[in-house]
């Protein structure tokens, strides 16, 4: 086996799966701190103001933080039915 076929002993070692990049974590913390300061220490107050004055961007933000899956009640499932009917032009009243 040639030396070029060998991998370094720590190849593939990086951040553990799910670990956040340090830059991303710092930026997230800075954004949260700025939101608190903009609301005079109350981030909910600031976000409420943004929801009222900038509903489009606020809804985009909301879509990013909502869970991607909706879990239903197994004892009370949602039932979706589609009714298909063939309608001929001669059957219409107009």
C-alpha atoms as a PDB file:
ATOM      1  CA  UNK A   1       0.000   0.000   0.000  1.00  0.00           C
ATOM      2  CA  UNK A   2       1.378   3.410  -0.990  1.00  0.00           C
ATOM      3  CA  UNK A   3       1.777   6.268   1.491  1.00  0.00           C
ATOM      4  CA  UNK A   4      -0.834   8.286  -0.463  1.00  0.00           C
ATOM      5  CA  UNK A   5      -3.550   5.752   0.480  1.00  0.00           C
ATOM      6  CA  UNK A   6      -3.218   6.478   4.198  1.00  0.00           C
ATOM      7  CA  UNK A   7      -5.346   9.039   5.982  1.00  0.00           C
ATOM      8  CA  UNK A   8      -3.994  11.166   8.817  1.00  0.00           C
ATOM      9  CA  UNK A   9      -4.864   9.732  12.236  1.00  0.00           C
ATOM     10  CA  UNK A  10      -7.367  12.550  12.994  1.00  0.00           C
ATOM     11  CA  UNK A  11      -9.008  12.669   9.540  1.00  0.00           C
ATOM     12  CA  UNK A  12     -12.731  13.310   9.747  1.00  0.00           C
ATOM     13  CA  UNK A  13     -12.490  14.628  13.298  1.00  0.00           C
ATOM     14  CA  UNK A  14     -14.407  17.852  13.563  1.00  0.00           C
ATOM     15  CA  UNK A  15     -17.235  19.275  15.588  1.00  0.00           C
ATOM     16  CA  UNK A  16     -19.521  16.640  17.040  1.00  0.00           C
ATOM     17  CA  UNK A  17     -22.781  16.170  15.154  1.00  0.00           C
ATOM     18  CA  UNK A  18     -25.231  18.937  16.080  1.00  0.00           C
ATOM     19  CA  UNK A  19     -22.563  21.170  17.652  1.00  0.00           C
ATOM     20  CA  UNK A  20     -22.946  24.791  16.643  1.00  0.00           C
ATOM     21  CA  UNK A  21     -20.213  26.759  14.929  1.00  0.00           C
ATOM     22  CA  UNK A  22     -18.631  29.273  17.366  1.00  0.00           C
ATOM     23  CA  UNK A  23     -19.325  32.167  14.982  1.00  0.00           C
ATOM     24  CA  UNK A  24     -22.988  31.145  14.667  1.00  0.00           C
ATOM     25  CA  UNK A  25     -23.358  30.924  18.450  1.00  0.00           C
ATOM     26  CA  UNK A  26     -21.749  34.355  18.937  1.00  0.00           C
ATOM     27  CA  UNK A  27     -23.985  35.918  16.287  1.00  0.00           C
ATOM     28  CA  UNK A  28     -27.108  34.342  17.785  1.00  0.00           C
ATOM     29  CA  UNK A  29     -26.201  35.655  21.240  1.00  0.00           C
ATOM     30  CA  UNK A  30     -25.537  39.141  19.835  1.00  0.00           C
ATOM     31  CA  UNK A  31     -28.910  39.192  18.036  1.00  0.00           C
ATOM     32  CA  UNK A  32     -30.759  38.116  21.195  1.00  0.00           C
ATOM     33  CA  UNK A  33     -28.929  40.737  23.270  1.00  0.00           C
ATOM     34  CA  UNK A  34     -29.757  43.454  20.703  1.00  0.00           C
ATOM     35  CA  UNK A  35     -33.442  42.466  20.764  1.00  0.00           C
ATOM     36  CA  UNK A  36     -33.484  42.688  24.568  1.00  0.00           C
ATOM     37  CA  UNK A  37     -31.854  46.117  24.517  1.00  0.00           C
ATOM     38  CA  UNK A  38     -34.241  47.375  21.812  1.00  0.00           C
ATOM     39  CA  UNK A  39     -37.171  46.394  24.036  1.00  0.00           C
ATOM     40  CA  UNK A  40     -35.625  48.022  27.118  1.00  0.00           C
ATOM     41  CA  UNK A  41     -34.814  44.640  28.619  1.00  0.00           C
ATOM     42  CA  UNK A  42     -38.019  42.963  27.439  1.00  0.00           C
ATOM     43  CA  UNK A  43     -37.519  40.984  24.248  1.00  0.00           C
ATOM     44  CA  UNK A  44     -41.217  40.022  24.096  1.00  0.00           C
ATOM     45  CA  UNK A  45     -42.154  43.709  24.024  1.00  0.00           C
ATOM     46  CA  UNK A  46     -39.731  44.318  21.157  1.00  0.00           C
ATOM     47  CA  UNK A  47     -40.939  41.299  19.164  1.00  0.00           C
ATOM     48  CA  UNK A  48     -44.567  42.334  19.715  1.00  0.00           C
ATOM     49  CA  UNK A  49     -43.745  45.757  18.271  1.00  0.00           C
ATOM     50  CA  UNK A  50     -42.048  44.127  15.294  1.00  0.00           C
ATOM     51  CA  UNK A  51     -45.045  41.835  14.716  1.00  0.00           C
ATOM     52  CA  UNK A  52     -47.287  44.892  14.504  1.00  0.00           C
ATOM     53  CA  UNK A  53     -45.053  47.197  12.477  1.00  0.00           C
ATOM     54  CA  UNK A  54     -43.345  44.598  10.220  1.00  0.00           C
ATOM     55  CA  UNK A  55     -45.752  41.662   9.919  1.00  0.00           C
ATOM     56  CA  UNK A  56     -44.165  40.178   6.770  1.00  0.00           C
ATOM     57  CA  UNK A  57     -40.632  39.762   8.128  1.00  0.00           C
ATOM     58  CA  UNK A  58     -42.037  38.766  11.519  1.00  0.00           C
ATOM     59  CA  UNK A  59     -44.098  35.969   9.936  1.00  0.00           C
ATOM     60  CA  UNK A  60     -40.986  34.765   8.068  1.00  0.00           C
ATOM     61  CA  UNK A  61     -39.154  34.649  11.403  1.00  0.00           C
ATOM     62  CA  UNK A  62     -42.072  32.830  13.002  1.00  0.00           C
ATOM     63  CA  UNK A  63     -41.996  30.230  10.224  1.00  0.00           C
ATOM     64  CA  UNK A  64     -38.361  29.507  11.029  1.00  0.00           C
ATOM     65  CA  UNK A  65     -38.934  28.879  14.727  1.00  0.00           C
ATOM     66  CA  UNK A  66     -42.136  26.820  14.517  1.00  0.00           C
ATOM     67  CA  UNK A  67     -41.716  23.055  14.527  1.00  0.00           C
ATOM     68  CA  UNK A  68     -41.601  21.480  11.086  1.00  0.00           C
ATOM     69  CA  UNK A  69     -43.865  18.578  12.068  1.00  0.00           C
ATOM     70  CA  UNK A  70     -47.292  18.774  13.591  1.00  0.00           C
ATOM     71  CA  UNK A  71     -48.153  15.895  15.874  1.00  0.00           C
ATOM     72  CA  UNK A  72     -51.811  15.000  15.985  1.00  0.00           C
ATOM     73  CA  UNK A  73     -53.866  13.319  18.635  1.00  0.00           C
ATOM     74  CA  UNK A  74     -53.759   9.556  17.987  1.00  0.00           C
ATOM     75  CA  UNK A  75     -57.169   9.155  19.670  1.00  0.00           C
ATOM     76  CA  UNK A  76     -58.743  11.877  17.516  1.00  0.00           C
ATOM     77  CA  UNK A  77     -57.134  11.746  14.055  1.00  0.00           C
ATOM     78  CA  UNK A  78     -57.794  14.276  11.333  1.00  0.00           C
ATOM     79  CA  UNK A  79     -59.856  12.735   8.531  1.00  0.00           C
ATOM     80  CA  UNK A  80     -59.474  14.142   5.053  1.00  0.00           C
ATOM     81  CA  UNK A  81     -61.896  12.998   2.376  1.00  0.00           C
ATOM     82  CA  UNK A  82     -62.094  13.991  -1.269  1.00  0.00           C
ATOM     83  CA  UNK A  83     -65.346  13.656  -3.139  1.00  0.00           C
ATOM     84  CA  UNK A  84     -65.081  13.331  -6.906  1.00  0.00           C
ATOM     85  CA  UNK A  85     -68.102  13.920  -9.126  1.00  0.00           C
ATOM     86  CA  UNK A  86     -68.377  14.027 -12.867  1.00  0.00           C
ATOM     87  CA  UNK A  87     -70.393  17.019 -13.982  1.00  0.00           C
ATOM     88  CA  UNK A  88     -71.638  17.131 -17.552  1.00  0.00           C
ATOM     89  CA  UNK A  89     -72.522  20.467 -19.213  1.00  0.00           C
ATOM     90  CA  UNK A  90     -76.099  19.233 -19.745  1.00  0.00           C
ATOM     91  CA  UNK A  91     -76.486  18.721 -15.948  1.00  0.00           C
ATOM     92  CA  UNK A  92     -75.890  22.381 -15.074  1.00  0.00           C
ATOM     93  CA  UNK A  93     -78.784  24.767 -14.447  1.00  0.00           C
ATOM     94  CA  UNK A  94     -77.224  27.871 -15.969  1.00  0.00           C
END
